[in-house]
C-alpha atoms as a PDB file:
ATOM      1  CA  MET A   1      45.295  42.358  31.955  1.00  0.00           C
ATOM      2  CA  GLY A   2      41.863  42.639  32.972  1.00  0.00           C
ATOM      3  CA  THR A   3      38.838  40.489  31.861  1.00  0.00           C
ATOM      4  CA  ARG A   4      36.070  42.295  30.106  1.00  0.00           C
ATOM      5  CA  VAL A   5      32.477  41.548  30.840  1.00  0.00           C
ATOM      6  CA  LEU A   6      29.863  42.007  27.999  1.00  0.00           C
ATOM      7  CA  THR A   7      26.752  43.469  29.581  1.00  0.00           C
ATOM      8  CA  ILE A   8      23.492  43.480  27.270  1.00  0.00           C
ATOM      9  CA  SER A   9      21.479  46.560  28.726  1.00  0.00           C
ATOM     10  CA  GLY A  10      19.073  49.124  27.341  1.00  0.00           C
ATOM     11  CA  ALA A  11      15.691  48.906  25.528  1.00  0.00           C
ATOM     12  CA  GLY A  12      17.356  49.107  22.158  1.00  0.00           C
ATOM     13  CA  THR A  13      19.622  46.196  22.713  1.00  0.00           C
ATOM     14  CA  ARG A  14      16.716  43.906  24.116  1.00  0.00           C
ATOM     15  CA  THR A  15      14.856  45.001  21.233  1.00  0.00           C
ATOM     16  CA  ARG A  16      17.448  43.909  18.629  1.00  0.00           C
ATOM     17  CA  LEU A  17      18.131  40.685  20.441  1.00  0.00           C
ATOM     18  CA  ALA A  18      14.155  39.879  20.289  1.00  0.00           C
ATOM     19  CA  LEU A  19      13.969  40.514  16.740  1.00  0.00           C
ATOM     20  CA  GLY A  20      16.984  38.521  16.140  1.00  0.00           C
ATOM     21  CA  LEU A  21      15.347  35.598  18.007  1.00  0.00           C
ATOM     22  CA  ALA A  22      12.274  36.003  15.970  1.00  0.00           C
ATOM     23  CA  VAL A  23      14.301  35.722  12.828  1.00  0.00           C
ATOM     24  CA  VAL A  24      16.099  32.602  14.119  1.00  0.00           C
ATOM     25  CA  ALA A  25      12.660  31.038  14.988  1.00  0.00           C
ATOM     26  CA  VAL A  26      10.976  31.815  11.578  1.00  0.00           C
ATOM     27  CA  VAL A  27      14.197  30.152   9.768  1.00  0.00           C
ATOM     28  CA  VAL A  28      14.057  27.041  11.821  1.00  0.00           C
ATOM     29  CA  ALA A  29      10.258  26.524  11.216  1.00  0.00           C
ATOM     30  CA  SER A  30      10.812  27.032   7.565  1.00  0.00           C
ATOM     31  CA  VAL A  31      13.378  24.528   7.395  1.00  0.00           C
ATOM     32  CA  LEU A  32      11.311  21.894   9.485  1.00  0.00           C
ATOM     33  CA  VAL A  33       8.270  22.549   7.084  1.00  0.00           C
ATOM     34  CA  TRP A  34      10.732  21.985   4.099  1.00  0.00           C
ATOM     35  CA  ARG A  35      12.075  18.691   5.747  1.00  0.00           C
ATOM     36  CA  LEU A  36       8.831  17.464   7.141  1.00  0.00           C
ATOM     37  CA  GLY A  37       6.429  18.218   4.374  1.00  0.00           C
ATOM     38  CA  SER A  38       3.088  20.126   4.474  1.00  0.00           C
ATOM     39  CA  THR A  39       1.463  20.933   7.664  1.00  0.00           C
ATOM     40  CA  GLU A  40      -1.909  20.097   6.364  1.00  0.00           C
ATOM     41  CA  GLU A  41      -3.821  17.086   7.636  1.00  0.00           C
ATOM     42  CA  ALA A  42      -6.128  14.733   5.981  1.00  0.00           C
ATOM     43  CA  PRO A  43      -9.601  15.397   6.812  1.00  0.00           C
ATOM     44  CA  TYR A  44     -10.065  11.626   8.085  1.00  0.00           C
ATOM     45  CA  THR A  45      -8.645   9.316  10.674  1.00  0.00           C
ATOM     46  CA  ASP A  46      -8.253   5.728  10.068  1.00  0.00           C
ATOM     47  CA  PRO A  47      -8.165   3.897  13.470  1.00  0.00           C
ATOM     48  CA  ALA A  48      -6.919   0.720  11.643  1.00  0.00           C
ATOM     49  CA  SER A  49      -3.822   2.773  10.489  1.00  0.00           C
ATOM     50  CA  THR A  50      -0.652   1.357  12.690  1.00  0.00           C
ATOM     51  CA  GLY A  51       2.033   3.542  11.023  1.00  0.00           C
ATOM     52  CA  GLY A  52       3.086   5.445   7.904  1.00  0.00           C
ATOM     53  CA  LEU A  53       4.455   4.475   4.399  1.00  0.00           C
ATOM     54  CA  THR A  54       7.557   5.785   3.067  1.00  0.00           C
ATOM     55  CA  LEU A  55       7.700   6.211  -0.677  1.00  0.00           C
ATOM     56  CA  CYS A  56      11.189   5.643  -2.382  1.00  0.00           C
ATOM     57  CA  SER A  57      12.791   5.924  -5.703  1.00  0.00           C
ATOM     58  CA  ALA A  58      14.972   3.126  -7.202  1.00  0.00           C
ATOM     59  CA  ASP A  59      18.155   5.058  -6.367  1.00  0.00           C
ATOM     60  CA  GLY A  60      17.482   5.385  -2.557  1.00  0.00           C
ATOM     61  CA  LYS A  61      15.789   8.776  -2.308  1.00  0.00           C
ATOM     62  CA  ALA A  62      12.406   9.602  -0.550  1.00  0.00           C
ATOM     63  CA  VAL A  63       9.634  10.425  -3.124  1.00  0.00           C
ATOM     64  CA  THR A  64       7.255  13.050  -1.558  1.00  0.00           C
ATOM     65  CA  GLU A  65       5.502  14.513  -4.783  1.00  0.00           C
ATOM     66  CA  GLY A  66       5.365  14.150  -8.571  1.00  0.00           C
ATOM     67  CA  ARG A  67       3.073  13.891 -11.438  1.00  0.00           C
ATOM     68  CA  THR A  68      -0.074  11.776 -11.373  1.00  0.00           C
ATOM     69  CA  GLY A  69       0.984  10.151 -14.681  1.00  0.00           C
ATOM     70  CA  ASP A  70       4.246   8.919 -13.363  1.00  0.00           C
ATOM     71  CA  ARG A  71       4.759   5.073 -13.692  1.00  0.00           C
ATOM     72  CA  PRO A  72       5.758   4.284 -11.141  1.00  0.00           C
ATOM     73  CA  PHE A  73       4.829   6.977  -8.739  1.00  0.00           C
ATOM     74  CA  ALA A  74       7.598   5.444  -6.452  1.00  0.00           C
ATOM     75  CA  ASP A  75       9.704   2.411  -6.936  1.00  0.00           C
ATOM     76  CA  LEU A  76       9.344   1.037  -3.471  1.00  0.00           C
ATOM     77  CA  VAL A  77       7.182   1.279  -0.413  1.00  0.00           C
ATOM     78  CA  LEU A  78       8.476   0.852   3.109  1.00  0.00           C
ATOM     79  CA  GLY A  79       6.038   0.082   6.066  1.00  0.00           C
ATOM     80  CA  ASP A  80       6.806   1.264   9.543  1.00  0.00           C
ATOM     81  CA  THR A  81       4.925  -1.812  11.377  1.00  0.00           C
ATOM     82  CA  PRO A  82       6.682  -5.161  11.731  1.00  0.00           C
ATOM     83  CA  LEU A  83       4.893  -8.480  10.779  1.00  0.00           C
ATOM     84  CA  PRO A  84       3.184  -9.740  14.180  1.00  0.00           C
ATOM     85  CA  ASP A  85       5.397 -11.865  16.335  1.00  0.00           C
ATOM     86  CA  ASP A  86       2.801 -14.729  15.977  1.00  0.00           C
ATOM     87  CA  ALA A  87       2.838 -14.726  12.240  1.00  0.00           C
ATOM     88  CA  ASP A  88       5.379 -17.179  10.334  1.00  0.00           C
ATOM     89  CA  PRO A  89       7.459 -15.058   8.248  1.00  0.00           C
ATOM     90  CA  ALA A  90       8.009 -17.600   5.691  1.00  0.00           C
ATOM     91  CA  GLY A  91       6.382 -16.468   2.436  1.00  0.00           C
ATOM     92  CA  ALA A  92       5.200 -13.321   4.075  1.00  0.00           C
ATOM     93  CA  VAL A  93       4.013 -10.806   1.322  1.00  0.00           C
ATOM     94  CA  ALA A  94       2.975  -7.138   0.973  1.00  0.00           C
ATOM     95  CA  THR A  95       0.526  -5.475  -1.284  1.00  0.00           C
ATOM     96  CA  LEU A  96      -0.042  -1.562  -1.886  1.00  0.00           C
ATOM     97  CA  TYR A  97      -3.694  -0.586  -2.000  1.00  0.00           C
ATOM     98  CA  ALA A  98      -5.152   2.873  -3.004  1.00  0.00           C
ATOM     99  CA  TYR A  99      -8.475   4.101  -1.393  1.00  0.00           C
ATOM    100  CA  GLN A 100     -10.862   6.752  -2.101  1.00  0.00           C
ATOM    101  CA  PRO A 101     -11.900   8.776   1.146  1.00  0.00           C
ATOM    102  CA  ARG A 102     -15.231  10.118   1.096  1.00  0.00           C
ATOM    103  CA  GLU A 103     -16.972  12.484   3.213  1.00  0.00           C
ATOM    104  CA  GLY A 104     -19.170  10.828   5.854  1.00  0.00           C
ATOM    105  CA  ILE A 105     -17.843   7.459   5.265  1.00  0.00           C
ATOM    106  CA  ALA A 106     -15.888   5.513   7.662  1.00  0.00           C
ATOM    107  CA  PRO A 107     -12.274   4.222   6.403  1.00  0.00           C
ATOM    108  CA  GLY A 108     -13.296   0.594   6.492  1.00  0.00           C
ATOM    109  CA  GLU A 109     -15.963   1.540   3.913  1.00  0.00           C
ATOM    110  CA  PHE A 110     -13.805   3.511   1.502  1.00  0.00           C
ATOM    111  CA  SER A 111     -13.600   2.138  -1.971  1.00  0.00           C
ATOM    112  CA  GLY A 112     -10.215   1.059  -3.591  1.00  0.00           C
ATOM    113  CA  SER A 113      -8.038  -1.158  -5.549  1.00  0.00           C
ATOM    114  CA  PRO A 114      -4.561  -3.009  -5.358  1.00  0.00           C
ATOM    115  CA  ILE A 115      -1.752  -1.036  -7.195  1.00  0.00           C
ATOM    116  CA  THR A 116       0.881  -3.872  -6.779  1.00  0.00           C
ATOM    117  CA  ALA A 117       0.809  -7.520  -6.752  1.00  0.00           C
ATOM    118  CA  ALA A 118       1.570  -9.369  -3.573  1.00  0.00           C
ATOM    119  CA  VAL A 119       5.366  -9.133  -3.036  1.00  0.00           C
ATOM    120  CA  ALA A 120       7.491 -10.925  -0.704  1.00  0.00           C
ATOM    121  CA  PHE A 121       9.490  -8.751   1.706  1.00  0.00           C
ATOM    122  CA  ALA A 122      12.832 -10.040   3.075  1.00  0.00           C
ATOM    123  CA  ASP A 123      12.640  -8.834   6.590  1.00  0.00           C
ATOM    124  CA  PRO A 124       9.736  -9.251   8.994  1.00  0.00           C
ATOM    125  CA  SER A 125      10.479  -6.180  10.777  1.00  0.00           C
ATOM    126  CA  ARG A 126      10.598  -3.980   7.636  1.00  0.00           C
ATOM    127  CA  PRO A 127       7.608  -4.936   5.225  1.00  0.00           C
ATOM    128  CA  ALA A 128       7.983  -3.675   1.923  1.00  0.00           C
ATOM    129  CA  THR A 129       6.553  -3.950  -1.904  1.00  0.00           C
ATOM    130  CA  ARG A 130       7.655  -2.812  -4.996  1.00  0.00           C
ATOM    131  CA  VAL A 131       5.865  -0.768  -7.704  1.00  0.00           C
ATOM    132  CA  THR A 132       6.524  -1.666 -11.104  1.00  0.00           C
ATOM    133  CA  ALA A 133       5.946   0.422 -14.302  1.00  0.00           C
ATOM    134  CA  ASP A 134       2.926  -1.470 -15.300  1.00  0.00           C
ATOM    135  CA  ALA A 135       1.163  -0.945 -12.262  1.00  0.00           C
ATOM    136  CA  TRP A 136      -1.634   1.806 -11.798  1.00  0.00           C
ATOM    137  CA  SER A 137      -0.451   5.311 -11.667  1.00  0.00           C
ATOM    138  CA  LEU A 138      -2.318   7.633  -9.477  1.00  0.00           C
ATOM    139  CA  GLY A 139      -3.616   9.319 -12.493  1.00  0.00           C
ATOM    140  CA  ASP A 140      -5.175   5.937 -13.373  1.00  0.00           C
ATOM    141  CA  PHE A 141      -6.632   5.534  -9.794  1.00  0.00           C
ATOM    142  CA  VAL A 142      -8.168   8.969  -9.477  1.00  0.00           C
ATOM    143  CA  THR A 143      -9.813   8.199 -12.850  1.00  0.00           C
ATOM    144  CA  ALA A 144     -11.531   5.248 -11.715  1.00  0.00           C
ATOM    145  CA  PHE A 145     -12.087   6.707  -8.083  1.00  0.00           C
ATOM    146  CA  PRO A 146     -12.230  10.268  -8.204  1.00  0.00           C
ATOM    147  CA  ALA A 147     -10.450  12.152  -5.199  1.00  0.00           C
ATOM    148  CA  SER A 148     -13.762  13.890  -4.207  1.00  0.00           C
ATOM    149  CA  LEU A 149     -12.817  14.556  -0.424  1.00  0.00           C
ATOM    150  CA  GLN A 150     -10.347  17.505  -0.964  1.00  0.00           C
ATOM    151  CA  GLY A 151      -8.174  15.694  -3.307  1.00  0.00           C
ATOM    152  CA  TYR A 152      -7.032  12.976  -0.917  1.00  0.00           C
ATOM    153  CA  VAL A 153      -6.007   9.493  -1.680  1.00  0.00           C
ATOM    154  CA  GLN A 154      -5.072   6.863   1.054  1.00  0.00           C
ATOM    155  CA  LEU A 155      -2.388   4.332   0.515  1.00  0.00           C
ATOM    156  CA  ARG A 156      -2.374   1.136   2.539  1.00  0.00           C
ATOM    157  CA  LEU A 157       0.195  -1.671   2.712  1.00  0.00           C
ATOM    158  CA  VAL A 158      -1.519  -4.914   3.603  1.00  0.00           C
ATOM    159  CA  LEU A 159       0.199  -7.697   4.571  1.00  0.00           C
ATOM    160  CA  GLY A 160      -0.365 -11.537   4.268  1.00  0.00           C
ATOM    161  CA  THR A 161       1.200 -14.793   5.101  1.00  0.00           C
ATOM    162  CA  PRO A 162       0.377 -18.478   4.074  1.00  0.00           C
ATOM    163  CA  GLN A 163      -0.265 -19.367   7.633  1.00  0.00           C
ATOM    164  CA  LEU A 164      -2.682 -16.424   8.427  1.00  0.00           C
ATOM    165  CA  GLY A 165      -4.080 -15.056   5.052  1.00  0.00           C
ATOM    166  CA  THR A 166      -4.599 -11.415   4.578  1.00  0.00           C
ATOM    167  CA  LEU A 167      -3.813  -9.391   7.830  1.00  0.00           C
ATOM    168  CA  ALA A 168      -6.536  -6.911   7.290  1.00  0.00           C
ATOM    169  CA  ASP A 169      -7.195  -5.715  10.691  1.00  0.00           C
ATOM    170  CA  GLY A 170      -4.196  -3.099  10.686  1.00  0.00           C
ATOM    171  CA  TYR A 171      -1.967  -1.684   8.079  1.00  0.00           C
ATOM    172  CA  ASP A 172       0.367   0.954   7.425  1.00  0.00           C
ATOM    173  CA  THR A 173      -0.837   4.061   5.454  1.00  0.00           C
ATOM    174  CA  ALA A 174       0.153   7.232   3.653  1.00  0.00           C
ATOM    175  CA  ASP A 175      -2.195  10.064   2.892  1.00  0.00           C
ATOM    176  CA  ILE A 176      -1.633  11.924  -0.659  1.00  0.00           C
ATOM    177  CA  LYS A 177      -3.301  14.806  -2.023  1.00  0.00           C
ATOM    178  CA  VAL A 178      -4.017  15.161  -5.897  1.00  0.00           C
ATOM    179  CA  ASP A 179      -4.272  18.626  -7.405  1.00  0.00           C
ATOM    180  CA  GLY A 180      -4.773  18.492 -11.217  1.00  0.00           C
ATOM    181  CA  ASP A 181      -1.970  16.525 -12.604  1.00  0.00           C
ATOM    182  CA  ARG A 182       0.475  16.808  -9.544  1.00  0.00           C
ATOM    183  CA  TRP A 183       0.411  15.228  -6.434  1.00  0.00           C
ATOM    184  CA  GLU A 184       2.290  15.555  -3.076  1.00  0.00           C
ATOM    185  CA  LEU A 185       2.655  13.390   0.203  1.00  0.00           C
ATOM    186  CA  VAL A 186       0.895  14.946   3.061  1.00  0.00           C
ATOM    187  CA  ARG A 187       1.469  12.186   5.613  1.00  0.00           C
ATOM    188  CA  GLY A 188       3.753   9.437   5.450  1.00  0.00           C
ATOM    189  CA  GLY A 189       6.588   7.224   7.167  1.00  0.00           C
ATOM    190  CA  SER A 190      10.117   8.051   8.354  1.00  0.00           C
ATOM    191  CA  ALA A 191      11.836   5.153   7.008  1.00  0.00           C
ATOM    192  CA  SER A 192      15.327   5.365   5.295  1.00  0.00           C
ATOM    193  CA  CYS A 193      15.187   4.934   1.773  1.00  0.00           C
ATOM    194  CA  ARG A 194      18.890   4.391   1.376  1.00  0.00           C
ATOM    195  CA  ASP A 195      18.940   0.587   0.925  1.00  0.00           C
ATOM    196  CA  ALA A 196      15.165   0.105   0.200  1.00  0.00           C
ATOM    197  CA  ALA A 197      15.760  -2.238  -2.476  1.00  0.00           C
ATOM    198  CA  SER A 198      17.037  -4.636  -0.261  1.00  0.00           C
ATOM    199  CA  ALA A 199      13.736  -4.991   1.794  1.00  0.00           C
ATOM    200  CA  VAL A 200      12.061  -6.772  -1.085  1.00  0.00           C
ATOM    201  CA  ALA A 201      12.765 -10.386  -1.444  1.00  0.00           C
ATOM    202  CA  ASP A 202      15.000 -11.435  -4.598  1.00  0.00           C
ATOM    203  CA  GLY A 203      13.039 -12.417  -7.426  1.00  0.00           C
ATOM    204  CA  SER A 204       9.995 -10.632  -6.066  1.00  0.00           C
END
């Protein structure tokens, strides 16, 4: 029995092939946008940002949107950047802050407020904090600090140790956009939320 060879030829075949590839490209792009979130970028750049923040629920799922009145808006927050090698990890803590971006104002001059207390984290390579139900909601924050720059709020995870104090020169960040009573994560980290609760020290 001979072997059949499929030959693609003719303008019609080439047109159908091109259309098929275009459809595949659109589908792939749509999936990527769905998985990675909005393609929008925040209208500011913070040179002190060393990585992203991943927002997690108590059941180990990523939190990327919600209502501004949610308490808490996420149960746990994971940072991308480890504690510096020269820092003693004993007693290391992480505090989540929210800041108000403003037109023409450098990020170092943004106004803001702590959202959580200082929480001890278990692994120096994986800083984390817990957001409790009595913490400020995002609605509370934008009431005190209106999101006047296109609805944006910046989150920062600031670390500290008994030896070095607050490590304010660099921190992981996330960019959140508020629209009415809803918010969405525009830029964050890529950590897994599956065992996020283990990143916070017992008793914190």
